[in-house]
C-alpha atoms as a PDB file:
ATOM      1  CA  UNK A   1     181.253 240.921  25.253  1.00  0.00           C
ATOM      2  CA  UNK A   2     181.180 244.708  25.636  1.00  0.00           C
ATOM      3  CA  UNK A   3     179.827 246.962  22.894  1.00  0.00           C
ATOM      4  CA  UNK A   4     181.657 250.053  24.186  1.00  0.00           C
ATOM      5  CA  UNK A   5     183.417 251.761  21.260  1.00  0.00           C
ATOM      6  CA  UNK A   6     182.026 249.288  18.703  1.00  0.00           C
ATOM      7  CA  UNK A   7     179.753 250.293  15.812  1.00  0.00           C
ATOM      8  CA  UNK A   8     176.437 248.416  15.807  1.00  0.00           C
ATOM      9  CA  UNK A   9     173.286 248.607  13.719  1.00  0.00           C
ATOM     10  CA  UNK A  10     170.287 250.186  15.423  1.00  0.00           C
ATOM     11  CA  UNK A  11     167.473 250.613  12.873  1.00  0.00           C
ATOM     12  CA  UNK A  12     167.772 250.267   9.058  1.00  0.00           C
ATOM     13  CA  UNK A  13     170.226 252.934   7.856  1.00  0.00           C
ATOM     14  CA  UNK A  14     171.184 253.859  11.434  1.00  0.00           C
ATOM     15  CA  UNK A  15     174.361 252.788  13.239  1.00  0.00           C
ATOM     16  CA  UNK A  16     175.609 253.782  16.663  1.00  0.00           C
ATOM     17  CA  UNK A  17     178.698 253.649  18.841  1.00  0.00           C
ATOM     18  CA  UNK A  18     178.311 253.795  22.621  1.00  0.00           C
ATOM     19  CA  UNK A  19     181.232 255.542  24.333  1.00  0.00           C
ATOM     20  CA  UNK A  20     182.695 254.613  27.699  1.00  0.00           C
ATOM     21  CA  UNK A  21     180.171 255.986  30.218  1.00  0.00           C
ATOM     22  CA  UNK A  22     180.840 257.943  33.372  1.00  0.00           C
ATOM     23  CA  UNK A  23     179.039 257.201  36.628  1.00  0.00           C
ATOM     24  CA  UNK A  24     175.839 259.067  35.687  1.00  0.00           C
ATOM     25  CA  UNK A  25     176.375 260.382  32.138  1.00  0.00           C
ATOM     26  CA  UNK A  26     176.971 258.722  28.768  1.00  0.00           C
ATOM     27  CA  UNK A  27     177.412 259.631  25.090  1.00  0.00           C
ATOM     28  CA  UNK A  28     176.670 257.818  21.870  1.00  0.00           C
ATOM     29  CA  UNK A  29     177.524 258.755  18.272  1.00  0.00           C
ATOM     30  CA  UNK A  30     174.748 257.967  15.788  1.00  0.00           C
ATOM     31  CA  UNK A  31     175.110 257.949  11.974  1.00  0.00           C
ATOM     32  CA  UNK A  32     172.039 258.159   9.723  1.00  0.00           C
ATOM     33  CA  UNK A  33     171.758 257.475   6.025  1.00  0.00           C
ATOM     34  CA  UNK A  34     169.424 259.912   4.198  1.00  0.00           C
ATOM     35  CA  UNK A  35     165.785 259.428   5.292  1.00  0.00           C
ATOM     36  CA  UNK A  36     166.706 256.759   7.869  1.00  0.00           C
ATOM     37  CA  UNK A  37     164.656 256.842  11.058  1.00  0.00           C
ATOM     38  CA  UNK A  38     165.262 256.347  14.728  1.00  0.00           C
ATOM     39  CA  UNK A  39     161.942 254.766  15.711  1.00  0.00           C
ATOM     40  CA  UNK A  40     159.632 256.494  18.171  1.00  0.00           C
ATOM     41  CA  UNK A  41     160.292 255.418  21.756  1.00  0.00           C
ATOM     42  CA  UNK A  42     160.611 256.772  25.282  1.00  0.00           C
ATOM     43  CA  UNK A  43     162.929 256.186  28.226  1.00  0.00           C
ATOM     44  CA  UNK A  44     163.281 257.617  31.733  1.00  0.00           C
ATOM     45  CA  UNK A  45     166.618 259.248  30.844  1.00  0.00           C
ATOM     46  CA  UNK A  46     167.074 262.918  30.009  1.00  0.00           C
ATOM     47  CA  UNK A  47     168.690 263.283  26.557  1.00  0.00           C
ATOM     48  CA  UNK A  48     170.462 266.002  24.605  1.00  0.00           C
ATOM     49  CA  UNK A  49     171.260 265.467  20.919  1.00  0.00           C
ATOM     50  CA  UNK A  50     173.867 267.619  19.148  1.00  0.00           C
ATOM     51  CA  UNK A  51     173.915 267.520  15.343  1.00  0.00           C
ATOM     52  CA  UNK A  52     177.486 267.179  14.079  1.00  0.00           C
ATOM     53  CA  UNK A  53     176.550 266.857  10.392  1.00  0.00           C
ATOM     54  CA  UNK A  54     173.433 267.134   8.224  1.00  0.00           C
ATOM     55  CA  UNK A  55     169.897 267.784   9.448  1.00  0.00           C
ATOM     56  CA  UNK A  56     167.489 265.669  11.470  1.00  0.00           C
ATOM     57  CA  UNK A  57     163.763 266.113  12.069  1.00  0.00           C
ATOM     58  CA  UNK A  58     162.912 265.192  15.656  1.00  0.00           C
ATOM     59  CA  UNK A  59     159.375 264.479  16.773  1.00  0.00           C
ATOM     60  CA  UNK A  60     158.942 264.945  20.531  1.00  0.00           C
ATOM     61  CA  UNK A  61     155.461 264.337  21.941  1.00  0.00           C
ATOM     62  CA  UNK A  62     154.048 265.000  18.453  1.00  0.00           C
ATOM     63  CA  UNK A  63     155.945 268.285  17.890  1.00  0.00           C
ATOM     64  CA  UNK A  64     158.373 268.313  14.939  1.00  0.00           C
ATOM     65  CA  UNK A  65     161.656 270.267  15.117  1.00  0.00           C
ATOM     66  CA  UNK A  66     164.500 270.274  12.575  1.00  0.00           C
ATOM     67  CA  UNK A  67     168.008 270.340  14.045  1.00  0.00           C
ATOM     68  CA  UNK A  68     170.917 271.188  11.740  1.00  0.00           C
ATOM     69  CA  UNK A  69     174.693 270.868  12.109  1.00  0.00           C
ATOM     70  CA  UNK A  70     175.842 272.941  15.088  1.00  0.00           C
ATOM     71  CA  UNK A  71     172.423 272.850  16.799  1.00  0.00           C
ATOM     72  CA  UNK A  72     171.062 270.688  19.595  1.00  0.00           C
ATOM     73  CA  UNK A  73     167.780 269.600  21.104  1.00  0.00           C
ATOM     74  CA  UNK A  74     166.758 268.548  24.624  1.00  0.00           C
ATOM     75  CA  UNK A  75     164.463 265.570  25.150  1.00  0.00           C
ATOM     76  CA  UNK A  76     162.842 265.412  28.581  1.00  0.00           C
ATOM     77  CA  UNK A  77     162.721 262.260  30.656  1.00  0.00           C
ATOM     78  CA  UNK A  78     159.815 260.049  29.598  1.00  0.00           C
ATOM     79  CA  UNK A  79     158.982 262.002  26.418  1.00  0.00           C
ATOM     80  CA  UNK A  80     157.892 259.944  23.390  1.00  0.00           C
ATOM     81  CA  UNK A  81     160.334 260.829  20.597  1.00  0.00           C
ATOM     82  CA  UNK A  82     161.831 259.746  17.289  1.00  0.00           C
ATOM     83  CA  UNK A  83     164.103 261.160  14.585  1.00  0.00           C
ATOM     84  CA  UNK A  84     164.337 261.145  10.792  1.00  0.00           C
ATOM     85  CA  UNK A  85     167.457 262.168   8.891  1.00  0.00           C
ATOM     86  CA  UNK A  86     166.692 264.649   6.116  1.00  0.00           C
ATOM     87  CA  UNK A  87     170.131 263.927   4.621  1.00  0.00           C
ATOM     88  CA  UNK A  88     173.228 261.986   5.634  1.00  0.00           C
ATOM     89  CA  UNK A  89     173.579 263.025   9.296  1.00  0.00           C
ATOM     90  CA  UNK A  90     175.552 262.445  12.493  1.00  0.00           C
ATOM     91  CA  UNK A  91     174.285 263.039  16.037  1.00  0.00           C
ATOM     92  CA  UNK A  92     176.067 263.009  19.369  1.00  0.00           C
ATOM     93  CA  UNK A  93     173.524 261.859  21.967  1.00  0.00           C
ATOM     94  CA  UNK A  94     174.084 262.406  25.686  1.00  0.00           C
ATOM     95  CA  UNK A  95     172.025 260.687  28.386  1.00  0.00           C
ATOM     96  CA  UNK A  96     171.693 260.932  32.126  1.00  0.00           C
ATOM     97  CA  UNK A  97     171.589 258.688  34.001  1.00  0.00           C
ATOM     98  CA  UNK A  98     173.528 256.037  32.063  1.00  0.00           C
ATOM     99  CA  UNK A  99     171.312 253.938  29.766  1.00  0.00           C
ATOM    100  CA  UNK A 100     172.159 250.466  30.982  1.00  0.00           C
ATOM    101  CA  UNK A 101     169.817 249.103  28.274  1.00  0.00           C
ATOM    102  CA  UNK A 102     172.292 250.279  25.608  1.00  0.00           C
ATOM    103  CA  UNK A 103     175.421 248.905  27.273  1.00  0.00           C
ATOM    104  CA  UNK A 104     176.417 245.262  26.940  1.00  0.00           C
ATOM    105  CA  UNK A 105     178.711 244.373  29.804  1.00  0.00           C
END
């Protein structure tokens, strides 16, 4: 069963919806409850995260950066990163190439 367009739980207080991907680019909407965390991880995909609502503290390779509504951040391929919502927040994450690990076919 496909998870495209379906809300699913990621980490505690974090839910995500993967959108229909293109051939080499995909987007995912991520909702955070206050103080919820996207656990530290890395992947070979380049990522951009645009903050639609709230504020999120990203840690990329040990460097902390706060991104607020209307701002974005770039995460290089292979970089160890995580995120913590400072308040109720929404991100739009874009990845290239497509993250097959996030898509259930």
